[in-house]
Protein backbone atom coordinates (compact mmCIF):
# COMPACT_ATOMS: atom_id res chain seq x y z
CA UNK A 1 -19.56 -11.46 -0.80
CA UNK A 2 -17.75 -14.04 -2.95
CA UNK A 3 -14.77 -11.74 -3.40
CA UNK A 4 -13.91 -12.44 0.24
CA UNK A 5 -13.38 -16.11 -0.61
CA UNK A 6 -10.74 -15.11 -3.16
CA UNK A 7 -9.16 -12.86 -0.54
CA UNK A 8 -8.85 -15.94 1.68
CA UNK A 9 -7.45 -18.01 -1.20
CA UNK A 10 -4.73 -15.41 -1.80
CA UNK A 11 -3.92 -15.49 1.89
CA UNK A 12 -3.60 -19.28 1.79
CA UNK A 13 -1.36 -19.44 -1.28
CA UNK A 14 0.88 -16.69 0.13
CA UNK A 15 0.85 -17.93 3.72
CA UNK A 16 4.63 -18.37 3.97
CA UNK A 17 5.39 -15.00 2.37
CA UNK A 18 2.62 -13.38 4.40
CA UNK A 19 4.57 -14.05 7.58
CA UNK A 20 7.26 -11.67 6.30
CA UNK A 21 4.96 -8.71 6.90
CA UNK A 22 5.46 -9.22 10.63
CA UNK A 23 9.22 -9.01 10.07
CA UNK A 24 8.78 -5.64 8.37
CA UNK A 25 6.59 -4.48 11.26
CA UNK A 26 9.17 -5.59 13.84
CA UNK A 27 12.06 -3.91 11.99
CA UNK A 28 10.02 -0.73 11.57
CA UNK A 29 9.29 -0.55 15.30
CA UNK A 30 12.98 -1.10 16.14
CA UNK A 31 14.07 1.61 13.67
CA UNK A 32 11.49 4.06 14.99
CA UNK A 33 12.57 3.68 18.61
CA UNK A 34 16.29 3.55 17.77
CA UNK A 35 16.14 6.79 15.80
CA UNK A 36 13.43 8.36 17.96
CA UNK A 37 11.67 9.19 14.71
CA UNK A 38 7.85 9.01 14.54
CA UNK A 39 7.88 8.98 10.73
CA UNK A 40 9.97 5.89 10.01
CA UNK A 41 7.58 3.29 11.39
CA UNK A 42 4.59 3.85 9.12
CA UNK A 43 6.78 4.48 6.08
CA UNK A 44 8.82 1.28 6.44
CA UNK A 45 5.80 -0.87 7.26
CA UNK A 46 3.87 0.38 4.23
CA UNK A 47 7.00 -0.17 2.13
CA UNK A 48 6.90 -3.82 3.20
CA UNK A 49 3.22 -4.23 2.40
CA UNK A 50 3.73 -2.71 -1.07
CA UNK A 51 6.30 -5.38 -1.90
CA UNK A 52 4.51 -8.36 -0.33
CA UNK A 53 1.03 -7.48 -1.61
CA UNK A 54 2.06 -8.39 -5.15
CA UNK A 55 3.08 -11.93 -4.16
CA UNK A 56 -0.08 -13.65 -5.57
CA UNK A 57 0.85 -12.42 -9.06
CA UNK A 58 4.30 -14.00 -8.91
CA UNK A 59 3.56 -17.41 -7.36
CA UNK A 60 3.19 -19.38 -10.60
CA UNK A 61 -0.57 -18.74 -11.10
CA UNK A 62 -0.78 -21.56 -13.67
CA UNK A 63 -0.95 -24.03 -10.79
CA UNK A 64 -4.06 -22.44 -9.31
CA UNK A 65 -5.73 -20.59 -12.18
CA UNK A 66 -7.66 -23.64 -13.43
CA UNK A 67 -8.96 -24.26 -9.92
CA UNK A 68 -10.06 -20.63 -9.57
CA UNK A 69 -11.97 -20.78 -12.85
CA UNK A 70 -13.95 -23.76 -11.55
CA UNK A 71 -15.27 -21.84 -8.56
CA UNK A 72 -18.80 -20.37 -8.80
CA UNK A 73 -17.75 -16.77 -9.16
CA UNK A 74 -17.39 -14.03 -11.74
CA UNK A 75 -14.25 -12.33 -13.02
CA UNK A 76 -15.27 -9.33 -10.94
CA UNK A 77 -15.25 -11.48 -7.79
CA UNK A 78 -11.75 -12.80 -8.52
CA UNK A 79 -10.29 -9.39 -9.32
CA UNK A 80 -12.03 -7.67 -6.41
CA UNK A 81 -10.77 -10.37 -4.05
CA UNK A 82 -7.20 -9.82 -5.26
CA UNK A 83 -7.48 -6.06 -4.71
CA UNK A 84 -8.94 -6.70 -1.25
CA UNK A 85 -5.91 -8.84 -0.45
CA UNK A 86 -3.60 -5.93 -1.21
CA UNK A 87 -5.83 -3.53 0.70
CA UNK A 88 -5.88 -5.82 3.75
CA UNK A 89 -2.07 -5.88 3.94
CA UNK A 90 -1.94 -2.12 3.54
CA UNK A 91 -4.50 -1.54 6.29
CA UNK A 92 -2.64 -3.94 8.59
CA UNK A 93 0.63 -2.05 8.21
CA UNK A 94 -1.11 1.32 8.49
CA UNK A 95 -2.68 0.24 11.77
CA UNK A 96 0.60 -0.90 13.31
CA UNK A 97 2.41 2.04 11.72
CA UNK A 98 0.02 4.47 13.37
CA UNK A 99 0.23 2.62 16.68
CA UNK A 100 4.03 2.63 16.51
CA UNK A 101 4.05 6.34 15.73
CA UNK A 102 1.94 7.12 18.79
CA UNK A 103 4.15 4.94 21.05
CA UNK A 104 7.36 6.55 19.76
CA UNK A 105 5.91 10.00 20.47
CA UNK A 106 4.81 9.01 23.97
CA UNK A 107 8.05 7.27 24.97
CA UNK A 108 10.31 10.02 23.58
CA UNK A 109 8.06 12.89 24.66
CA UNK A 110 7.51 14.04 21.09
CA UNK A 111 4.47 16.15 20.36
CA UNK A 112 1.99 14.27 18.18
CA UNK A 113 1.60 17.22 15.85
CA UNK A 114 -0.60 17.71 12.82
CA UNK A 115 2.52 17.44 10.63
CA UNK A 116 2.86 13.80 11.64
CA UNK A 117 -0.80 13.24 10.79
CA UNK A 118 -0.34 14.92 7.40
CA UNK A 119 2.65 12.68 6.66
CA UNK A 120 0.77 9.56 7.75
CA UNK A 121 -2.27 10.36 5.59
CA UNK A 122 -0.03 11.21 2.64
CA UNK A 123 1.77 7.87 2.91
CA UNK A 124 -1.53 5.97 3.20
CA UNK A 125 -3.12 7.67 0.19
CA UNK A 126 0.00 7.39 -1.98
CA UNK A 127 0.36 3.70 -1.10
CA UNK A 128 -3.27 2.97 -2.05
CA UNK A 129 -2.87 4.80 -5.36
CA UNK A 130 0.39 3.00 -6.19
CA UNK A 131 -1.09 -0.35 -5.17
CA UNK A 132 -4.04 0.20 -7.51
CA UNK A 133 -1.77 1.13 -10.42
CA UNK A 134 0.59 -1.78 -9.71
CA UNK A 135 -2.24 -4.34 -9.65
CA UNK A 136 -3.70 -2.93 -12.86
CA UNK A 137 -0.31 -3.26 -14.57
CA UNK A 138 -0.04 -6.87 -13.40
CA UNK A 139 -3.42 -7.64 -14.95
CA UNK A 140 -2.42 -5.77 -18.10
CA UNK A 141 0.81 -7.68 -18.69
CA UNK A 142 -0.62 -11.03 -17.61
CA UNK A 143 1.64 -13.97 -16.82
CA UNK A 144 5.14 -13.06 -17.99
CA UNK A 145 7.95 -15.57 -18.32
CA UNK A 146 10.48 -12.86 -17.56
CA UNK A 147 10.99 -12.88 -13.81
CA UNK A 148 13.11 -9.74 -14.15
CA UNK A 149 10.19 -7.75 -15.54
CA UNK A 150 7.81 -9.14 -12.92
CA UNK A 151 10.34 -8.27 -10.24
CA UNK A 152 10.57 -4.69 -11.48
CA UNK A 153 6.79 -4.27 -11.49
CA UNK A 154 6.76 -5.68 -7.97
CA UNK A 155 9.60 -3.63 -6.50
CA UNK A 156 9.43 -0.21 -8.17
CA UNK A 157 6.20 1.07 -6.51
CA UNK A 158 7.47 0.18 -3.02
CA UNK A 159 10.86 1.81 -3.52
CA UNK A 160 9.26 4.84 -5.18
CA UNK A 161 6.95 5.23 -2.19
CA UNK A 162 9.90 4.89 0.18
CA UNK A 163 11.93 7.52 -1.69
CA UNK A 164 9.01 9.98 -1.89
CA UNK A 165 8.22 9.37 1.77
CA UNK A 166 11.83 10.00 2.78
CA UNK A 167 11.88 13.26 0.82
CA UNK A 168 8.58 14.34 2.38
CA UNK A 169 9.89 13.42 5.84
CA UNK A 170 12.98 15.59 5.34
CA UNK A 171 10.87 18.49 4.06
CA UNK A 172 8.51 18.34 7.04
CA UNK A 173 11.35 18.08 9.56
CA UNK A 174 13.11 21.07 7.97
CA UNK A 175 9.98 23.10 7.31
CA UNK A 176 11.40 26.12 9.15
CA UNK A 177 14.19 26.41 6.54
CA UNK A 178 11.76 27.28 3.77
CA UNK A 179 9.05 29.90 4.00
CA UNK A 180 7.29 28.40 0.98
CA UNK A 181 7.18 24.90 2.48
CA UNK A 182 6.16 26.28 5.86
CA UNK A 183 3.33 28.29 4.28
CA UNK A 184 2.15 25.28 2.28
CA UNK A 185 2.12 22.98 5.32
CA UNK A 186 0.40 25.65 7.38
CA UNK A 187 -2.29 25.98 4.72
CA UNK A 188 -2.81 22.19 4.74
CA UNK A 189 -2.97 22.24 8.53
CA UNK A 190 -5.61 24.98 8.45
CA UNK A 191 -7.67 23.00 5.93
CA UNK A 192 -6.83 19.56 7.27
CA UNK A 193 -10.32 18.05 7.11
CA UNK A 194 -10.89 19.18 3.52
CA UNK A 195 -7.45 17.95 2.45
CA UNK A 196 -7.94 14.56 4.12
CA UNK A 197 -11.35 14.16 2.49
CA UNK A 198 -9.99 15.14 -0.94
CA UNK A 199 -6.98 12.82 -0.72
CA UNK A 200 -9.15 9.97 0.55
CA UNK A 201 -11.66 10.39 -2.28
CA UNK A 202 -8.93 10.52 -4.93
CA UNK A 203 -7.26 7.38 -3.56
CA UNK A 204 -10.56 5.47 -3.36
CA UNK A 205 -11.60 6.53 -6.87
CA UNK A 206 -8.27 5.35 -8.31
CA UNK A 207 -8.63 2.09 -6.36
CA UNK A 208 -12.11 1.51 -7.81
CA UNK A 209 -10.93 2.54 -11.27
CA UNK A 210 -8.10 0.00 -10.98
CA UNK A 211 -10.63 -2.73 -10.18
CA UNK A 212 -12.88 -1.72 -13.08
CA UNK A 213 -10.03 -1.64 -15.62
CA UNK A 214 -8.57 -4.92 -14.33
CA UNK A 215 -11.95 -6.64 -14.63
CA UNK A 216 -12.23 -5.48 -18.25
CA UNK A 217 -8.71 -6.71 -19.00
CA UNK A 218 -9.25 -10.11 -17.38
CA UNK A 219 -12.61 -10.61 -19.09
CA UNK A 220 -11.02 -9.94 -22.44
CA UNK A 221 -8.20 -12.36 -21.65
CA UNK A 222 -10.56 -15.12 -20.42
CA UNK A 223 -13.28 -14.82 -23.03
CA UNK A 224 -11.50 -13.14 -25.93
């Protein structure tokens, strides 16, 4: 698949910034063990991937765009490769986030409950949806001269995810203080497979829709 070549190109042009993801992973592990909190790791790691995954859009694409157009590939290949780049960073942080969560639970003798799984799946699905929307917006606005606007598009989804994740974490940890929240979480727990499948399908559909819309936008920009 030619889209994989563009995934590799994005990795090469963001090689220096890509190393920062390991810094986020290290900090997340330290925070998780320091606070004995199984939720922090995955949330902070995904927060990092949300910010760094937009790097290819902000690295002066004018220097590489002409080269990319010369490659034997379609607009769909280029756009799909860019989305795969973001997805690869997200999956990397989700893997280490899940691994860190399990280790924190084992070391601190915390039960690896279904509530932790629900939180983890919620973070993963929300991150994929926000990543898809963010990438689509980047393709929609094109190359902006305003670094402030580009910075906002880059930072807002990550911080929004972090805020929503923190609120969800507090709600889950204090579930016993609210009968409504407890009943809702219990219902999700009793229908966990169906909820996971539904959330997964919604996230994937939005991801594919983001690719489709971005391809249409880029084709119109390239060919008028």
